């Protein structure tokens, strides 16, 4: 029997995680949030039981964790910190998602309603494949990546660790996205993107520092 889940964060993405866990039959022990104004409130009827330190009241053998935050850097830091303390993260797969039998799904990955993961795709640890996002055959998604709602990845796309693919972005077949990139919402990526930059537009091009600060 699977351990009950504590969700870290009590904002908007946490609602989606609560719904997916419930629909997949997982027991939710509660949520935690370091905002004291949220402690004692509920998210879709699930109580916020304290700050992050409330997790330490439960041993790693007694609970699994799920991250209810969508920001890549926050997710990466939380995942690393709690893994070092021995905790395991639940896979969150909404029953309305379509996941190929031989797709590989990493620890703590979250596959939301309407998402499609095609054969031989590899999804890393702590990845979000958000609502209606599509990941085609033979894609490789690095750890801590967030594929936002409605994004489309053609076959053979490779995405480096810690990157963010924006709402409705389209990545053509076999493109490679480096670590820690941002692909802006609605962008169409037709060629490789080096690490640590932001691209936007159709076709996608690097944004200048002035554009990013605007």
Protein backbone atom coordinates (compact mmCIF):
# COMPACT_ATOMS: atom_id res chain seq x y z
CA UNK A 1 0.00 0.00 0.00
CA UNK A 2 1.32 3.46 -0.91
CA UNK A 3 2.25 5.87 1.86
CA UNK A 4 0.09 8.97 2.37
CA UNK A 5 1.30 12.13 0.67
CA UNK A 6 2.21 15.54 2.09
CA UNK A 7 2.08 18.33 -0.50
CA UNK A 8 4.62 21.16 -0.19
CA UNK A 9 2.99 24.48 -1.04
CA UNK A 10 -0.63 25.58 -0.81
CA UNK A 11 -1.15 27.79 -3.86
CA UNK A 12 -2.65 27.30 -7.29
CA UNK A 13 -0.48 24.41 -8.47
CA UNK A 14 -1.20 22.61 -5.20
CA UNK A 15 -4.88 22.49 -6.18
CA UNK A 16 -3.97 20.62 -9.36
CA UNK A 17 -1.77 18.20 -7.42
CA UNK A 18 -4.54 17.56 -4.86
CA UNK A 19 -7.02 16.78 -7.63
CA UNK A 20 -4.63 14.46 -9.49
CA UNK A 21 -3.69 12.55 -6.33
CA UNK A 22 -7.31 12.11 -5.31
CA UNK A 23 -8.35 10.89 -8.75
CA UNK A 24 -5.50 8.39 -8.76
CA UNK A 25 -6.55 7.02 -5.36
CA UNK A 26 -3.73 8.38 -3.20
CA UNK A 27 -4.32 9.38 0.42
CA UNK A 28 -3.33 12.99 1.17
CA UNK A 29 -2.20 13.66 4.73
CA UNK A 30 -2.14 17.45 4.32
CA UNK A 31 -0.31 20.39 2.82
CA UNK A 32 2.51 22.51 4.26
CA UNK A 33 3.30 26.15 3.53
CA UNK A 34 5.70 28.60 5.15
CA UNK A 35 3.17 31.42 4.86
CA UNK A 36 1.67 31.52 8.37
CA UNK A 37 -1.58 32.99 7.02
CA UNK A 38 -2.22 29.76 5.12
CA UNK A 39 -1.68 27.44 8.08
CA UNK A 40 -5.03 26.15 9.30
CA UNK A 41 -6.75 26.88 5.98
CA UNK A 42 -7.74 24.20 3.48
CA UNK A 43 -7.07 23.60 -0.21
CA UNK A 44 -9.95 21.71 -1.83
CA UNK A 45 -10.80 20.47 1.64
CA UNK A 46 -7.26 19.32 2.50
CA UNK A 47 -5.81 21.05 5.60
CA UNK A 48 -2.62 23.08 5.66
CA UNK A 49 -0.96 21.42 8.65
CA UNK A 50 2.00 23.76 9.18
CA UNK A 51 5.18 25.04 7.61
CA UNK A 52 7.74 22.88 5.85
CA UNK A 53 9.13 21.84 9.24
CA UNK A 54 5.87 19.96 9.92
CA UNK A 55 7.13 17.30 7.50
CA UNK A 56 9.84 16.39 10.02
CA UNK A 57 7.15 15.09 12.38
CA UNK A 58 6.83 12.16 9.98
CA UNK A 59 9.65 9.78 9.16
CA UNK A 60 10.62 9.20 5.52
CA UNK A 61 9.22 5.68 5.85
CA UNK A 62 5.77 7.00 6.82
CA UNK A 63 5.05 9.52 4.05
CA UNK A 64 5.76 10.48 0.47
CA UNK A 65 6.08 14.08 -0.63
CA UNK A 66 4.75 16.00 -3.63
CA UNK A 67 5.66 19.56 -4.58
CA UNK A 68 2.68 21.88 -5.03
CA UNK A 69 4.72 24.73 -6.52
CA UNK A 70 5.28 25.38 -10.20
CA UNK A 71 8.43 27.54 -10.16
CA UNK A 72 11.42 25.55 -11.37
CA UNK A 73 14.06 26.90 -8.95
CA UNK A 74 11.83 26.46 -5.89
CA UNK A 75 10.97 22.92 -6.93
CA UNK A 76 14.61 22.05 -7.53
CA UNK A 77 15.71 23.35 -4.12
CA UNK A 78 12.91 21.59 -2.24
CA UNK A 79 13.43 18.29 -4.03
CA UNK A 80 17.16 18.30 -3.34
CA UNK A 81 16.78 19.30 0.31
CA UNK A 82 14.19 16.68 1.21
CA UNK A 83 15.94 13.94 -0.77
CA UNK A 84 19.06 14.63 1.29
CA UNK A 85 16.92 14.09 4.40
CA UNK A 86 15.80 10.70 3.10
CA UNK A 87 12.28 11.48 1.87
CA UNK A 88 10.83 10.03 -1.33
CA UNK A 89 8.57 11.85 -3.77
CA UNK A 90 5.38 10.43 -5.19
CA UNK A 91 4.77 10.23 -8.91
CA UNK A 92 1.59 12.18 -9.65
CA UNK A 93 -0.16 10.89 -12.77
CA UNK A 94 -3.68 12.12 -13.43
CA UNK A 95 -5.91 9.29 -14.70
CA UNK A 96 -6.92 11.49 -17.64
CA UNK A 97 -3.29 11.63 -18.85
CA UNK A 98 -2.14 9.24 -21.60
CA UNK A 99 1.24 7.67 -20.82
CA UNK A 100 2.81 5.06 -23.09
CA UNK A 101 3.58 1.75 -21.42
CA UNK A 102 7.32 2.02 -22.07
CA UNK A 103 7.72 5.70 -21.21
CA UNK A 104 10.07 6.21 -18.24
CA UNK A 105 8.73 8.52 -15.54
CA UNK A 106 11.12 9.81 -12.86
CA UNK A 107 10.62 10.22 -9.14
CA UNK A 108 8.33 13.07 -8.18
CA UNK A 109 7.28 13.72 -11.78
CA UNK A 110 3.78 15.15 -12.24
CA UNK A 111 1.75 14.31 -15.36
CA UNK A 112 -1.44 16.38 -15.38
CA UNK A 113 -4.87 15.99 -16.94
CA UNK A 114 -4.90 15.71 -20.72
CA UNK A 115 -1.12 15.39 -21.02
CA UNK A 116 0.26 12.87 -23.51
CA UNK A 117 3.55 11.01 -23.14
CA UNK A 118 4.39 8.91 -26.19
CA UNK A 119 6.54 5.73 -26.50
CA UNK A 120 10.20 5.76 -25.46
CA UNK A 121 9.96 9.20 -23.89
CA UNK A 122 12.12 9.69 -20.79
CA UNK A 123 10.80 12.06 -18.12
CA UNK A 124 13.30 13.03 -15.41
CA UNK A 125 12.87 13.49 -11.68
CA UNK A 126 10.65 16.31 -10.37
CA UNK A 127 9.34 17.23 -13.83
CA UNK A 128 5.92 18.76 -14.49
CA UNK A 129 4.15 17.83 -17.71
CA UNK A 130 1.26 20.21 -17.25
CA UNK A 131 -2.32 20.26 -18.51
CA UNK A 132 -2.70 19.16 -22.17
CA UNK A 133 1.03 19.27 -22.84
CA UNK A 134 2.22 16.76 -25.43
CA UNK A 135 5.57 14.94 -25.35
CA UNK A 136 6.11 12.83 -28.45
CA UNK A 137 8.19 9.71 -29.02
CA UNK A 138 11.83 9.53 -27.96
CA UNK A 139 11.89 12.87 -26.14
CA UNK A 140 14.27 13.21 -23.20
CA UNK A 141 13.23 15.65 -20.46
CA UNK A 142 15.87 16.48 -17.84
CA UNK A 143 15.29 16.74 -14.10
CA UNK A 144 13.26 19.66 -12.68
CA UNK A 145 11.87 20.78 -16.05
CA UNK A 146 8.40 22.36 -16.25
CA UNK A 147 6.47 21.83 -19.49
CA UNK A 148 3.61 24.35 -19.17
CA UNK A 149 0.00 23.81 -20.28
CA UNK A 150 -0.56 23.25 -23.97
CA UNK A 151 3.10 23.01 -24.95
CA UNK A 152 3.92 20.62 -27.80
CA UNK A 153 7.17 18.69 -28.17
CA UNK A 154 7.68 16.85 -31.45
CA UNK A 155 9.62 13.59 -31.58
CA UNK A 156 13.20 13.38 -30.37
CA UNK A 157 13.31 16.68 -28.47
CA UNK A 158 15.93 16.89 -25.71
CA UNK A 159 15.50 19.36 -22.83
CA UNK A 160 18.24 20.07 -20.29
CA UNK A 161 17.84 20.18 -16.52
CA UNK A 162 15.97 23.06 -14.92
CA UNK A 163 14.45 24.52 -18.08
CA UNK A 164 10.98 26.03 -18.43
CA UNK A 165 8.87 25.53 -21.55
CA UNK A 166 6.11 28.16 -21.62
CA UNK A 167 2.39 27.88 -22.25
CA UNK A 168 1.59 26.85 -25.80
CA UNK A 169 5.21 26.71 -26.97
CA UNK A 170 6.06 24.40 -29.87
CA UNK A 171 9.38 22.58 -30.21
CA UNK A 172 10.06 20.99 -33.58
CA UNK A 173 11.54 17.52 -33.94
CA UNK A 174 15.01 16.74 -32.61
CA UNK A 175 15.78 20.21 -31.21
CA UNK A 176 17.97 20.37 -28.12
CA UNK A 177 17.34 22.83 -25.30
CA UNK A 178 20.21 23.46 -22.87
CA UNK A 179 20.08 23.53 -19.08
CA UNK A 180 18.29 26.39 -17.31
CA UNK A 181 16.62 27.83 -20.41
CA UNK A 182 13.29 29.61 -20.68
CA UNK A 183 11.19 29.10 -23.78
CA UNK A 184 8.60 31.86 -23.73
CA UNK A 185 4.91 31.13 -24.07
CA UNK A 186 3.78 30.74 -27.66
CA UNK A 187 7.31 30.44 -29.03
CA UNK A 188 8.13 28.09 -31.91
CA UNK A 189 11.60 26.59 -31.57
CA UNK A 190 13.07 25.36 -34.85
CA UNK A 191 16.74 24.96 -33.84
CA UNK A 192 18.91 24.14 -30.85
CA UNK A 193 18.99 26.53 -27.88
CA UNK A 194 22.19 26.83 -25.77
CA UNK A 195 22.11 26.72 -21.99
CA UNK A 196 21.07 29.61 -19.74
CA UNK A 197 19.19 31.82 -22.19
CA UNK A 198 15.60 32.89 -22.85
CA UNK A 199 14.08 32.66 -26.32
CA UNK A 200 10.77 34.00 -27.61
CA UNK A 201 8.87 34.51 -30.84
CA UNK A 202 8.09 32.67 -34.07
CA UNK A 203 10.63 31.43 -34.89
CA UNK A 204 12.14 31.69 -31.42
CA UNK A 205 15.16 33.96 -31.00
CA UNK A 206 17.22 34.97 -27.96
CA UNK A 207 15.82 37.89 -26.00
CA UNK A 208 18.12 40.83 -25.27
CA UNK A 209 18.79 41.90 -21.68
CA UNK A 210 16.59 44.96 -22.28
CA UNK A 211 13.69 42.79 -23.46
CA UNK A 212 14.00 40.48 -20.46
CA UNK A 213 14.00 43.41 -18.03
CA UNK A 214 10.88 44.99 -19.57
